[in-house]
Amino acid sequence: MIFGKIDFINLLPFYIFFKKYIRSSQIKQIINYKKSYPAKINKQFKKRTIDAAFISSVKSKRCNCLDIGIVAKKDVLSVLLKKGENKKDYQSDTSNALAQVLNLQGEVIIGDKALYYYYNENLDDVVDLAQLWYEKYHLPFVFARLCVNNHKKYLEKLSKRFLASNIKIPQYILKQYAKKTNISTNEIKYYLTKISYKLSHKEKQSLKLFLKLQGKL
């Protein structure tokens, strides 16, 4: 099985669980090998060169998806819009579409670089896109869904176990990511409190609304 890995902090709990759950060292090596950013993973998934991945919500319409994703409860800290000239983030599909749906002008910044910006830069001219979505529609925002081309039963079982688990990130891994991103371990832990993964009624309602609005653009 080839799993496309988006190596952002928001999926750290899932990959820690995944590596503990799977037994095949070959699968672990493939997961690490197939790393990329969301927009590229979307293309690889569509071409069926990977079996499963977290696919951007806006690209997941006709995909075979499970009830697990990347969800912002309210604010998310890692999907920002800097007011000014329009500029898309080449790494993202959903965040760029969200800015359009919210009818906002500016530069979209996502992922760990956005999280670093949130903690280290002046936020006077920056807005949190997930927070604005929540304020407007009173719904959490779904940025991505786990979608599959193959191995659906295996990944359904794995996802259910993950959602029922309380994942603790080892301190040495937090330190590795802190060093890589220049974001402190405490900032990483706080950020992860903003993220949830289960797609229940409200999340699905929000996703349906977003796709409907995006389709009208």
N, C-alpha and C. Protein backbone atom coordinates (compact mmCIF):
# COMPACT_ATOMS: atom_id res chain seq x y z
N MET A 1 0.84 -1.20 0.00
CA MET A 1 0.00 0.00 0.00
C MET A 1 0.87 1.24 0.00
N ILE A 2 0.54 2.17 -0.88
CA ILE A 2 1.28 3.43 -0.94
C ILE A 2 0.38 4.54 -0.39
N PHE A 3 0.82 5.14 0.72
CA PHE A 3 0.05 6.18 1.38
C PHE A 3 0.76 7.51 1.16
N GLY A 4 0.02 8.47 0.61
CA GLY A 4 0.59 9.80 0.39
C GLY A 4 0.64 10.57 1.69
N LYS A 5 1.80 11.02 2.06
CA LYS A 5 1.97 11.68 3.36
C LYS A 5 2.16 13.19 3.20
N ILE A 6 1.28 13.94 3.85
CA ILE A 6 1.43 15.39 3.95
C ILE A 6 2.14 15.65 5.28
N ASP A 7 3.36 16.08 5.21
CA ASP A 7 4.19 16.17 6.42
C ASP A 7 4.01 17.51 7.13
N PHE A 8 2.76 17.79 7.53
CA PHE A 8 2.45 18.97 8.32
C PHE A 8 2.15 18.54 9.76
N ILE A 9 2.31 19.47 10.67
CA ILE A 9 2.09 19.17 12.09
C ILE A 9 0.66 18.72 12.36
N ASN A 10 -0.32 19.22 11.59
CA ASN A 10 -1.72 18.89 11.89
C ASN A 10 -2.03 17.39 11.76
N LEU A 11 -1.20 16.65 11.01
CA LEU A 11 -1.42 15.21 10.86
C LEU A 11 -0.45 14.38 11.69
N LEU A 12 0.33 15.02 12.53
CA LEU A 12 1.31 14.31 13.35
C LEU A 12 0.68 13.21 14.21
N PRO A 13 -0.43 13.47 14.91
CA PRO A 13 -1.04 12.40 15.72
C PRO A 13 -1.45 11.18 14.89
N PHE A 14 -1.96 11.42 13.68
CA PHE A 14 -2.40 10.30 12.84
C PHE A 14 -1.21 9.45 12.41
N TYR A 15 -0.13 10.08 11.99
CA TYR A 15 1.00 9.29 11.51
C TYR A 15 1.72 8.57 12.64
N ILE A 16 1.72 9.14 13.81
CA ILE A 16 2.29 8.43 14.96
C ILE A 16 1.48 7.17 15.24
N PHE A 17 0.15 7.31 15.22
CA PHE A 17 -0.71 6.14 15.42
C PHE A 17 -0.51 5.14 14.28
N PHE A 18 -0.47 5.62 13.07
CA PHE A 18 -0.34 4.76 11.89
C PHE A 18 0.92 3.89 11.99
N LYS A 19 2.03 4.51 12.35
CA LYS A 19 3.29 3.77 12.42
C LYS A 19 3.29 2.74 13.56
N LYS A 20 2.56 3.04 14.62
CA LYS A 20 2.44 2.06 15.71
C LYS A 20 1.51 0.91 15.32
N TYR A 21 0.50 1.23 14.53
CA TYR A 21 -0.53 0.25 14.20
C TYR A 21 -0.06 -0.72 13.12
N ILE A 22 0.58 -0.21 12.08
CA ILE A 22 0.99 -1.09 11.00
C ILE A 22 2.22 -1.88 11.39
N ARG A 23 2.32 -3.09 10.88
CA ARG A 23 3.41 -3.98 11.26
C ARG A 23 4.48 -4.10 10.18
N SER A 24 4.13 -3.79 8.95
CA SER A 24 5.06 -3.99 7.84
C SER A 24 6.07 -2.84 7.76
N SER A 25 7.35 -3.17 7.88
CA SER A 25 8.38 -2.14 7.77
C SER A 25 8.43 -1.57 6.36
N GLN A 26 8.03 -2.38 5.37
CA GLN A 26 8.01 -1.92 3.98
C GLN A 26 6.98 -0.81 3.80
N ILE A 27 5.78 -0.97 4.42
CA ILE A 27 4.76 0.07 4.33
C ILE A 27 5.26 1.35 4.99
N LYS A 28 5.94 1.22 6.13
CA LYS A 28 6.46 2.41 6.81
C LYS A 28 7.44 3.16 5.91
N GLN A 29 8.28 2.43 5.20
CA GLN A 29 9.23 3.07 4.31
C GLN A 29 8.52 3.78 3.16
N ILE A 30 7.46 3.17 2.63
CA ILE A 30 6.72 3.77 1.52
C ILE A 30 6.03 5.05 1.98
N ILE A 31 5.47 5.03 3.18
CA ILE A 31 4.80 6.22 3.71
C ILE A 31 5.79 7.39 3.77
N ASN A 32 6.97 7.13 4.28
CA ASN A 32 7.96 8.18 4.39
C ASN A 32 8.46 8.64 3.02
N TYR A 33 8.45 7.74 2.06
CA TYR A 33 8.94 8.06 0.72
C TYR A 33 7.96 8.94 -0.04
N LYS A 34 6.66 8.72 0.15
CA LYS A 34 5.64 9.44 -0.61
C LYS A 34 5.19 10.72 0.09
N LYS A 35 6.13 11.54 0.48
CA LYS A 35 5.81 12.81 1.14
C LYS A 35 5.66 13.92 0.11
N SER A 36 4.70 14.79 0.35
CA SER A 36 4.59 15.99 -0.48
C SER A 36 3.59 16.95 0.18
N TYR A 37 3.30 18.04 -0.53
CA TYR A 37 2.35 19.03 -0.03
C TYR A 37 0.95 18.69 -0.58
N PRO A 38 -0.12 19.24 0.03
CA PRO A 38 -1.49 18.82 -0.31
C PRO A 38 -1.84 18.85 -1.80
N ALA A 39 -1.55 19.94 -2.50
CA ALA A 39 -1.96 20.06 -3.90
C ALA A 39 -1.30 18.98 -4.78
N LYS A 40 -0.05 18.65 -4.49
CA LYS A 40 0.63 17.61 -5.26
C LYS A 40 0.08 16.23 -4.94
N ILE A 41 -0.19 15.98 -3.65
CA ILE A 41 -0.79 14.71 -3.24
C ILE A 41 -2.15 14.53 -3.93
N ASN A 42 -2.92 15.60 -4.05
CA ASN A 42 -4.21 15.53 -4.74
C ASN A 42 -4.04 15.00 -6.17
N LYS A 43 -3.03 15.51 -6.87
CA LYS A 43 -2.79 15.10 -8.25
C LYS A 43 -2.34 13.64 -8.33
N GLN A 44 -1.47 13.24 -7.40
CA GLN A 44 -1.00 11.85 -7.38
C GLN A 44 -2.15 10.89 -7.11
N PHE A 45 -3.04 11.29 -6.22
CA PHE A 45 -4.19 10.45 -5.89
C PHE A 45 -5.11 10.30 -7.10
N LYS A 46 -5.35 11.40 -7.79
CA LYS A 46 -6.21 11.36 -8.97
C LYS A 46 -5.63 10.45 -10.05
N LYS A 47 -4.31 10.46 -10.18
CA LYS A 47 -3.63 9.61 -11.17
C LYS A 47 -3.52 8.16 -10.69
N ARG A 48 -3.94 7.92 -9.43
CA ARG A 48 -3.92 6.59 -8.82
C ARG A 48 -2.51 6.04 -8.65
N THR A 49 -1.55 6.93 -8.46
CA THR A 49 -0.19 6.49 -8.17
C THR A 49 0.01 6.28 -6.68
N ILE A 50 -0.99 6.69 -5.89
CA ILE A 50 -1.01 6.37 -4.46
C ILE A 50 -2.36 5.74 -4.12
N ASP A 51 -2.36 4.92 -3.09
CA ASP A 51 -3.57 4.17 -2.71
C ASP A 51 -4.51 4.97 -1.81
N ALA A 52 -3.95 5.83 -0.98
CA ALA A 52 -4.78 6.58 -0.03
C ALA A 52 -4.02 7.82 0.43
N ALA A 53 -4.78 8.83 0.85
CA ALA A 53 -4.17 10.07 1.34
C ALA A 53 -5.26 10.97 1.90
N PHE A 54 -4.84 11.97 2.66
CA PHE A 54 -5.75 13.04 3.06
C PHE A 54 -5.83 14.01 1.89
N ILE A 55 -6.99 14.03 1.25
CA ILE A 55 -7.21 14.82 0.04
C ILE A 55 -7.96 16.11 0.38
N SER A 56 -7.51 17.21 -0.21
CA SER A 56 -8.15 18.50 0.02
C SER A 56 -9.65 18.40 -0.22
N SER A 57 -10.42 18.97 0.67
CA SER A 57 -11.89 18.87 0.59
C SER A 57 -12.43 19.23 -0.77
N VAL A 58 -11.89 20.30 -1.35
CA VAL A 58 -12.40 20.79 -2.62
C VAL A 58 -12.12 19.82 -3.77
N LYS A 59 -11.16 18.92 -3.58
CA LYS A 59 -10.83 17.92 -4.60
C LYS A 59 -11.39 16.54 -4.27
N SER A 60 -12.15 16.43 -3.20
CA SER A 60 -12.61 15.12 -2.73
C SER A 60 -14.05 14.79 -3.13
N LYS A 61 -14.67 15.63 -3.93
CA LYS A 61 -16.10 15.49 -4.24
C LYS A 61 -16.48 14.10 -4.73
N ARG A 62 -15.76 13.58 -5.68
CA ARG A 62 -16.12 12.30 -6.29
C ARG A 62 -15.20 11.16 -5.85
N CYS A 63 -14.50 11.38 -4.76
CA CYS A 63 -13.57 10.36 -4.26
C CYS A 63 -14.27 9.44 -3.27
N ASN A 64 -13.68 8.29 -3.05
CA ASN A 64 -14.16 7.34 -2.05
C ASN A 64 -13.51 7.70 -0.72
N CYS A 65 -14.26 8.38 0.16
CA CYS A 65 -13.68 8.95 1.37
C CYS A 65 -14.26 8.32 2.64
N LEU A 66 -13.48 8.34 3.70
CA LEU A 66 -13.88 7.81 4.99
C LEU A 66 -14.30 8.96 5.90
N ASP A 67 -14.88 8.62 7.05
CA ASP A 67 -15.37 9.65 7.99
C ASP A 67 -14.27 10.14 8.92
N ILE A 68 -13.18 10.53 8.30
CA ILE A 68 -12.05 11.08 9.05
C ILE A 68 -11.40 12.14 8.17
N GLY A 69 -10.96 13.22 8.78
CA GLY A 69 -10.36 14.29 8.00
C GLY A 69 -9.58 15.23 8.89
N ILE A 70 -9.24 16.38 8.33
CA ILE A 70 -8.57 17.45 9.09
C ILE A 70 -9.59 18.55 9.30
N VAL A 71 -9.97 18.77 10.55
CA VAL A 71 -11.08 19.67 10.87
C VAL A 71 -10.61 20.77 11.83
N ALA A 72 -10.98 22.00 11.54
CA ALA A 72 -10.77 23.10 12.47
C ALA A 72 -12.05 23.33 13.24
N LYS A 73 -11.98 23.22 14.56
CA LYS A 73 -13.18 23.41 15.38
C LYS A 73 -13.69 24.85 15.25
N LYS A 74 -12.80 25.80 15.39
CA LYS A 74 -13.13 27.22 15.20
C LYS A 74 -11.95 27.85 14.45
N ASP A 75 -11.04 28.52 15.18
CA ASP A 75 -9.83 29.02 14.54
C ASP A 75 -8.86 27.85 14.35
N VAL A 76 -7.91 28.04 13.40
CA VAL A 76 -6.99 26.92 13.10
C VAL A 76 -5.52 27.32 13.21
N LEU A 77 -5.21 28.60 13.11
CA LEU A 77 -3.85 29.16 13.24
C LEU A 77 -2.94 28.90 12.04
N SER A 78 -3.21 27.85 11.29
CA SER A 78 -2.29 27.46 10.21
C SER A 78 -2.87 27.66 8.82
N VAL A 79 -3.98 28.37 8.71
CA VAL A 79 -4.52 28.75 7.40
C VAL A 79 -4.89 30.23 7.51
N LEU A 80 -4.01 31.05 7.00
CA LEU A 80 -4.13 32.50 7.19
C LEU A 80 -4.27 33.21 5.86
N LEU A 81 -4.82 34.42 5.93
CA LEU A 81 -4.88 35.28 4.76
C LEU A 81 -4.31 36.63 5.15
N LYS A 82 -3.24 37.01 4.46
CA LYS A 82 -2.61 38.31 4.68
C LYS A 82 -3.24 39.31 3.73
N LYS A 83 -3.84 40.33 4.28
CA LYS A 83 -4.57 41.29 3.47
C LYS A 83 -3.64 42.00 2.49
N GLY A 84 -4.15 42.24 1.30
CA GLY A 84 -3.36 42.90 0.27
C GLY A 84 -3.63 42.28 -1.09
N GLU A 85 -2.60 42.18 -1.91
CA GLU A 85 -2.73 41.65 -3.26
C GLU A 85 -3.04 40.16 -3.23
N ASN A 86 -3.94 39.72 -4.11
CA ASN A 86 -4.30 38.31 -4.18
C ASN A 86 -3.10 37.45 -4.55
N LYS A 87 -2.89 36.39 -3.76
CA LYS A 87 -1.81 35.46 -4.05
C LYS A 87 -2.18 34.11 -3.47
N LYS A 88 -2.32 33.10 -4.33
CA LYS A 88 -2.66 31.77 -3.87
C LYS A 88 -1.43 31.07 -3.29
N ASP A 89 -1.67 30.11 -2.40
CA ASP A 89 -0.60 29.25 -1.91
C ASP A 89 -0.55 28.02 -2.81
N TYR A 90 0.57 27.83 -3.50
CA TYR A 90 0.66 26.73 -4.48
C TYR A 90 0.51 25.35 -3.83
N GLN A 91 0.70 25.28 -2.50
CA GLN A 91 0.62 24.00 -1.81
C GLN A 91 -0.82 23.59 -1.51
N SER A 92 -1.75 24.51 -1.66
CA SER A 92 -3.12 24.26 -1.20
C SER A 92 -4.14 24.40 -2.31
N ASP A 93 -5.20 23.60 -2.21
CA ASP A 93 -6.37 23.77 -3.06
C ASP A 93 -7.55 24.30 -2.24
N THR A 94 -7.82 23.66 -1.11
CA THR A 94 -8.98 24.02 -0.29
C THR A 94 -8.86 25.41 0.30
N SER A 95 -7.69 25.76 0.82
CA SER A 95 -7.54 27.07 1.47
C SER A 95 -7.71 28.21 0.47
N ASN A 96 -7.19 28.03 -0.73
CA ASN A 96 -7.39 29.04 -1.78
C ASN A 96 -8.87 29.19 -2.11
N ALA A 97 -9.57 28.05 -2.20
CA ALA A 97 -11.01 28.08 -2.49
C ALA A 97 -11.79 28.71 -1.34
N LEU A 98 -11.35 28.44 -0.11
CA LEU A 98 -12.04 29.02 1.06
C LEU A 98 -11.96 30.54 1.04
N ALA A 99 -10.80 31.07 0.71
CA ALA A 99 -10.66 32.53 0.62
C ALA A 99 -11.62 33.10 -0.42
N GLN A 100 -11.78 32.40 -1.53
CA GLN A 100 -12.71 32.85 -2.57
C GLN A 100 -14.16 32.78 -2.10
N VAL A 101 -14.52 31.69 -1.44
CA VAL A 101 -15.88 31.51 -0.93
C VAL A 101 -16.22 32.62 0.07
N LEU A 102 -15.23 33.00 0.87
CA LEU A 102 -15.45 34.06 1.86
C LEU A 102 -15.30 35.45 1.25
N ASN A 103 -15.02 35.48 -0.06
CA ASN A 103 -14.92 36.74 -0.81
C ASN A 103 -13.85 37.66 -0.21
N LEU A 104 -12.67 37.07 0.02
CA LEU A 104 -11.57 37.81 0.63
C LEU A 104 -10.42 38.00 -0.35
N GLN A 105 -9.77 39.14 -0.25
CA GLN A 105 -8.61 39.46 -1.07
C GLN A 105 -7.35 39.36 -0.20
N GLY A 106 -6.29 38.77 -0.77
CA GLY A 106 -5.04 38.74 -0.04
C GLY A 106 -4.21 37.52 -0.36
N GLU A 107 -3.15 37.34 0.41
CA GLU A 107 -2.22 36.23 0.20
C GLU A 107 -2.56 35.08 1.14
N VAL A 108 -2.81 33.90 0.60
CA VAL A 108 -3.11 32.71 1.39
C VAL A 108 -1.80 32.06 1.85
N ILE A 109 -1.73 31.76 3.15
CA ILE A 109 -0.56 31.09 3.72
C ILE A 109 -1.06 29.88 4.50
N ILE A 110 -0.49 28.70 4.24
CA ILE A 110 -0.98 27.50 4.92
C ILE A 110 0.15 26.70 5.55
N GLY A 111 -0.25 25.72 6.37
CA GLY A 111 0.68 24.74 6.90
C GLY A 111 1.59 25.26 7.98
N ASP A 112 2.74 24.61 8.13
CA ASP A 112 3.66 24.95 9.20
C ASP A 112 4.23 26.36 9.04
N LYS A 113 4.39 26.81 7.79
CA LYS A 113 4.90 28.18 7.58
C LYS A 113 3.88 29.21 8.06
N ALA A 114 2.58 28.90 7.92
CA ALA A 114 1.54 29.80 8.42
C ALA A 114 1.53 29.78 9.95
N LEU A 115 1.74 28.61 10.52
CA LEU A 115 1.78 28.50 11.98
C LEU A 115 2.95 29.30 12.54
N TYR A 116 4.10 29.22 11.87
CA TYR A 116 5.26 30.02 12.28
C TYR A 116 4.91 31.51 12.18
N TYR A 117 4.27 31.90 11.10
CA TYR A 117 3.87 33.30 10.92
C TYR A 117 2.95 33.73 12.06
N TYR A 118 1.99 32.87 12.41
CA TYR A 118 1.03 33.20 13.48
C TYR A 118 1.76 33.50 14.79
N TYR A 119 2.76 32.72 15.12
CA TYR A 119 3.44 32.86 16.40
C TYR A 119 4.53 33.93 16.41
N ASN A 120 4.99 34.36 15.22
CA ASN A 120 6.19 35.21 15.19
C ASN A 120 6.03 36.55 14.49
N GLU A 121 4.95 36.75 13.76
CA GLU A 121 4.81 37.97 12.98
C GLU A 121 3.66 38.84 13.50
N ASN A 122 3.59 40.04 12.98
CA ASN A 122 2.51 40.97 13.32
C ASN A 122 1.22 40.50 12.66
N LEU A 123 0.18 40.30 13.46
CA LEU A 123 -1.07 39.75 12.95
C LEU A 123 -2.14 40.80 12.66
N ASP A 124 -1.74 42.07 12.67
CA ASP A 124 -2.72 43.14 12.45
C ASP A 124 -3.40 43.05 11.09
N ASP A 125 -2.65 42.57 10.08
CA ASP A 125 -3.21 42.51 8.73
C ASP A 125 -3.49 41.08 8.30
N VAL A 126 -3.68 40.17 9.27
CA VAL A 126 -3.86 38.75 8.97
C VAL A 126 -5.17 38.26 9.57
N VAL A 127 -5.88 37.40 8.83
CA VAL A 127 -7.11 36.78 9.35
C VAL A 127 -6.97 35.26 9.28
N ASP A 128 -7.64 34.59 10.19
CA ASP A 128 -7.69 33.13 10.25
C ASP A 128 -8.93 32.68 9.46
N LEU A 129 -8.73 31.98 8.35
CA LEU A 129 -9.84 31.65 7.46
C LEU A 129 -10.86 30.72 8.12
N ALA A 130 -10.40 29.77 8.91
CA ALA A 130 -11.34 28.86 9.58
C ALA A 130 -12.18 29.60 10.61
N GLN A 131 -11.58 30.57 11.29
CA GLN A 131 -12.31 31.37 12.27
C GLN A 131 -13.41 32.18 11.58
N LEU A 132 -13.09 32.75 10.42
CA LEU A 132 -14.09 33.53 9.69
C LEU A 132 -15.23 32.65 9.19
N TRP A 133 -14.89 31.43 8.75
CA TRP A 133 -15.94 30.48 8.34
C TRP A 133 -16.86 30.16 9.51
N TYR A 134 -16.27 29.93 10.67
CA TYR A 134 -17.07 29.60 11.86
C TYR A 134 -17.97 30.78 12.26
N GLU A 135 -17.42 31.97 12.22
CA GLU A 135 -18.20 33.15 12.59
C GLU A 135 -19.38 33.36 11.64
N LYS A 136 -19.19 33.02 10.38
CA LYS A 136 -20.23 33.23 9.38
C LYS A 136 -21.29 32.14 9.39
N TYR A 137 -20.85 30.87 9.58
CA TYR A 137 -21.79 29.75 9.43
C TYR A 137 -21.97 28.91 10.71
N HIS A 138 -21.22 29.23 11.75
CA HIS A 138 -21.31 28.49 13.03
C HIS A 138 -21.09 27.00 12.84
N LEU A 139 -20.13 26.67 12.00
CA LEU A 139 -19.78 25.28 11.71
C LEU A 139 -18.26 25.12 11.70
N PRO A 140 -17.78 23.95 12.10
CA PRO A 140 -16.34 23.68 11.95
C PRO A 140 -16.00 23.59 10.47
N PHE A 141 -14.72 23.75 10.14
CA PHE A 141 -14.35 23.69 8.73
C PHE A 141 -13.51 22.45 8.45
N VAL A 142 -13.88 21.73 7.38
CA VAL A 142 -13.18 20.50 7.00
C VAL A 142 -12.19 20.83 5.88
N PHE A 143 -10.91 20.73 6.18
CA PHE A 143 -9.89 21.05 5.18
C PHE A 143 -9.55 19.86 4.29
N ALA A 144 -9.68 18.65 4.81
CA ALA A 144 -9.31 17.47 4.01
C ALA A 144 -10.05 16.26 4.52
N ARG A 145 -10.15 15.24 3.64
CA ARG A 145 -10.74 13.95 4.02
C ARG A 145 -9.78 12.82 3.64
N LEU A 146 -9.80 11.77 4.43
CA LEU A 146 -9.01 10.59 4.07
C LEU A 146 -9.75 9.84 2.97
N CYS A 147 -9.14 9.78 1.80
CA CYS A 147 -9.76 9.14 0.63
C CYS A 147 -8.92 7.96 0.19
N VAL A 148 -9.58 6.99 -0.43
CA VAL A 148 -8.89 5.74 -0.77
C VAL A 148 -9.15 5.34 -2.23
N ASN A 149 -8.11 4.83 -2.85
CA ASN A 149 -8.24 4.15 -4.13
C ASN A 149 -8.25 2.63 -3.93
N ASN A 150 -7.54 2.18 -2.90
CA ASN A 150 -7.43 0.76 -2.57
C ASN A 150 -7.33 0.60 -1.06
N HIS A 151 -7.50 -0.64 -0.58
CA HIS A 151 -7.33 -0.98 0.84
C HIS A 151 -8.34 -0.27 1.75
N LYS A 152 -9.57 -0.13 1.27
CA LYS A 152 -10.58 0.61 2.02
C LYS A 152 -10.89 -0.04 3.37
N LYS A 153 -11.10 -1.35 3.40
CA LYS A 153 -11.46 -2.02 4.65
C LYS A 153 -10.38 -1.87 5.70
N TYR A 154 -9.13 -2.04 5.28
CA TYR A 154 -8.00 -1.89 6.20
C TYR A 154 -7.96 -0.49 6.78
N LEU A 155 -8.14 0.52 5.92
CA LEU A 155 -8.05 1.90 6.38
C LEU A 155 -9.26 2.33 7.19
N GLU A 156 -10.43 1.75 6.91
CA GLU A 156 -11.60 2.00 7.75
C GLU A 156 -11.35 1.51 9.17
N LYS A 157 -10.82 0.31 9.28
CA LYS A 157 -10.51 -0.27 10.59
C LYS A 157 -9.48 0.57 11.33
N LEU A 158 -8.44 0.97 10.60
CA LEU A 158 -7.40 1.79 11.20
C LEU A 158 -7.95 3.14 11.67
N SER A 159 -8.77 3.76 10.83
CA SER A 159 -9.32 5.08 11.15
C SER A 159 -10.20 5.04 12.39
N LYS A 160 -11.03 4.01 12.51
CA LYS A 160 -11.89 3.88 13.68
C LYS A 160 -11.08 3.72 14.95
N ARG A 161 -10.01 2.95 14.86
CA ARG A 161 -9.14 2.78 16.02
C ARG A 161 -8.45 4.09 16.39
N PHE A 162 -8.03 4.82 15.38
CA PHE A 162 -7.38 6.11 15.62
C PHE A 162 -8.34 7.08 16.31
N LEU A 163 -9.57 7.18 15.79
CA LEU A 163 -10.54 8.12 16.36
C LEU A 163 -10.93 7.76 17.78
N ALA A 164 -10.80 6.49 18.15
CA ALA A 164 -11.13 6.05 19.50
C ALA A 164 -9.93 6.13 20.44
N SER A 165 -8.79 6.53 19.92
CA SER A 165 -7.56 6.53 20.72
C SER A 165 -7.23 7.93 21.23
N ASN A 166 -6.47 7.96 22.30
CA ASN A 166 -5.94 9.22 22.83
C ASN A 166 -4.44 9.22 22.55
N ILE A 167 -4.05 9.88 21.48
CA ILE A 167 -2.67 9.81 21.02
C ILE A 167 -1.81 10.82 21.77
N LYS A 168 -0.74 10.32 22.36
CA LYS A 168 0.24 11.18 23.01
C LYS A 168 1.51 11.21 22.15
N ILE A 169 1.93 12.40 21.81
CA ILE A 169 3.11 12.54 20.96
C ILE A 169 4.35 12.50 21.83
N PRO A 170 5.26 11.58 21.57
CA PRO A 170 6.50 11.51 22.36
C PRO A 170 7.27 12.83 22.32
N GLN A 171 7.90 13.14 23.43
CA GLN A 171 8.62 14.40 23.55
C GLN A 171 9.73 14.53 22.50
N TYR A 172 10.39 13.44 22.19
CA TYR A 172 11.50 13.52 21.23
C TYR A 172 10.99 13.88 19.83
N ILE A 173 9.77 13.44 19.50
CA ILE A 173 9.19 13.80 18.19
C ILE A 173 8.77 15.27 18.18
N LEU A 174 8.19 15.72 19.28
CA LEU A 174 7.85 17.15 19.39
C LEU A 174 9.09 18.01 19.22
N LYS A 175 10.20 17.58 19.81
CA LYS A 175 11.45 18.35 19.71
C LYS A 175 11.98 18.34 18.27
N GLN A 176 11.81 17.22 17.59
CA GLN A 176 12.24 17.15 16.19
C GLN A 176 11.47 18.14 15.34
N TYR A 177 10.15 18.18 15.53
CA TYR A 177 9.32 19.10 14.75
C TYR A 177 9.55 20.55 15.16
N ALA A 178 9.83 20.77 16.43
CA ALA A 178 10.13 22.12 16.89
C ALA A 178 11.41 22.64 16.23
N LYS A 179 12.40 21.77 16.13
CA LYS A 179 13.67 22.15 15.49
C LYS A 179 13.48 22.39 14.00
N LYS A 180 12.68 21.54 13.36
CA LYS A 180 12.46 21.64 11.91
C LYS A 180 11.67 22.88 11.53
N THR A 181 10.70 23.26 12.37
CA THR A 181 9.78 24.35 12.02
C THR A 181 10.05 25.67 12.74
N ASN A 182 10.94 25.64 13.74
CA ASN A 182 11.18 26.81 14.60
C ASN A 182 9.93 27.24 15.36
N ILE A 183 9.10 26.25 15.69
CA ILE A 183 7.91 26.46 16.52
C ILE A 183 8.11 25.65 17.79
N SER A 184 7.88 26.24 18.94
CA SER A 184 8.20 25.56 20.21
C SER A 184 7.28 24.35 20.44
N THR A 185 7.72 23.45 21.30
CA THR A 185 6.91 22.26 21.60
C THR A 185 5.58 22.66 22.23
N ASN A 186 5.58 23.67 23.09
CA ASN A 186 4.32 24.12 23.71
C ASN A 186 3.39 24.74 22.67
N GLU A 187 3.95 25.46 21.70
CA GLU A 187 3.13 26.04 20.64
C GLU A 187 2.53 24.95 19.75
N ILE A 188 3.32 23.91 19.49
CA ILE A 188 2.81 22.78 18.70
C ILE A 188 1.66 22.10 19.43
N LYS A 189 1.83 21.85 20.73
CA LYS A 189 0.79 21.17 21.51
C LYS A 189 -0.48 22.02 21.57
N TYR A 190 -0.33 23.33 21.72
CA TYR A 190 -1.51 24.20 21.74
C TYR A 190 -2.21 24.18 20.39
N TYR A 191 -1.43 24.25 19.33
CA TYR A 191 -2.01 24.21 17.98
C TYR A 191 -2.84 22.95 17.76
N LEU A 192 -2.35 21.81 18.21
CA LEU A 192 -3.06 20.55 17.99
C LEU A 192 -4.39 20.48 18.74
N THR A 193 -4.59 21.33 19.75
CA THR A 193 -5.89 21.37 20.43
C THR A 193 -6.96 22.00 19.52
N LYS A 194 -6.51 22.68 18.47
CA LYS A 194 -7.44 23.33 17.54
C LYS A 194 -7.95 22.38 16.46
N ILE A 195 -7.30 21.21 16.35
CA ILE A 195 -7.58 20.27 15.28
C ILE A 195 -8.38 19.08 15.79
N SER A 196 -9.37 18.65 15.02
CA SER A 196 -10.05 17.38 15.30
C SER A 196 -10.08 16.57 14.00
N TYR A 197 -10.49 15.31 14.09
CA TYR A 197 -10.35 14.42 12.93
C TYR A 197 -11.64 13.69 12.55
N LYS A 198 -12.60 13.65 13.44
CA LYS A 198 -13.82 12.89 13.16
C LYS A 198 -14.81 13.72 12.36
N LEU A 199 -15.36 13.11 11.32
CA LEU A 199 -16.40 13.76 10.53
C LEU A 199 -17.77 13.23 10.96
N SER A 200 -18.44 14.01 11.79
CA SER A 200 -19.79 13.69 12.23
C SER A 200 -20.78 14.59 11.50
N HIS A 201 -21.97 14.74 12.05
CA HIS A 201 -23.04 15.46 11.35
C HIS A 201 -22.65 16.90 11.01
N LYS A 202 -22.15 17.66 11.99
CA LYS A 202 -21.84 19.07 11.74
C LYS A 202 -20.71 19.23 10.72
N GLU A 203 -19.72 18.37 10.82
CA GLU A 203 -18.60 18.44 9.87
C GLU A 203 -19.07 18.15 8.45
N LYS A 204 -19.93 17.15 8.30
CA LYS A 204 -20.45 16.80 6.97
C LYS A 204 -21.36 17.90 6.45
N GLN A 205 -22.13 18.50 7.34
CA GLN A 205 -22.99 19.62 6.95
C GLN A 205 -22.14 20.80 6.44
N SER A 206 -21.05 21.07 7.15
CA SER A 206 -20.15 22.15 6.76
C SER A 206 -19.49 21.86 5.43
N LEU A 207 -19.03 20.63 5.25
CA LEU A 207 -18.39 20.23 4.00
C LEU A 207 -19.34 20.37 2.82
N LYS A 208 -20.57 19.93 3.02
CA LYS A 208 -21.58 20.02 1.96
C LYS A 208 -21.83 21.48 1.58
N LEU A 209 -21.93 22.35 2.58
CA LEU A 209 -22.14 23.77 2.33
C LEU A 209 -20.96 24.38 1.58
N PHE A 210 -19.76 24.07 2.03
CA PHE A 210 -18.56 24.61 1.37
C PHE A 210 -18.48 24.20 -0.10
N LEU A 211 -18.72 22.92 -0.38
CA LEU A 211 -18.65 22.44 -1.76
C LEU A 211 -19.74 23.08 -2.62
N LYS A 212 -20.90 23.29 -2.01
CA LYS A 212 -22.00 23.95 -2.73
C LYS A 212 -21.63 25.39 -3.09
N LEU A 213 -21.08 26.12 -2.12
CA LEU A 213 -20.69 27.50 -2.34
C LEU A 213 -19.53 27.59 -3.33
N GLN A 214 -18.58 26.68 -3.20
CA GLN A 214 -17.42 26.68 -4.09
C GLN A 214 -17.84 26.38 -5.52
N GLY A 215 -18.83 25.52 -5.68
CA GLY A 215 -19.31 25.17 -7.01
C GLY A 215 -20.00 26.31 -7.73
N LYS A 216 -20.42 27.31 -6.98
CA LYS A 216 -21.11 28.46 -7.57
C LYS A 216 -20.16 29.56 -8.02
N LEU A 217 -18.89 29.43 -7.67
CA LEU A 217 -17.92 30.48 -8.03
C LEU A 217 -17.62 30.48 -9.52
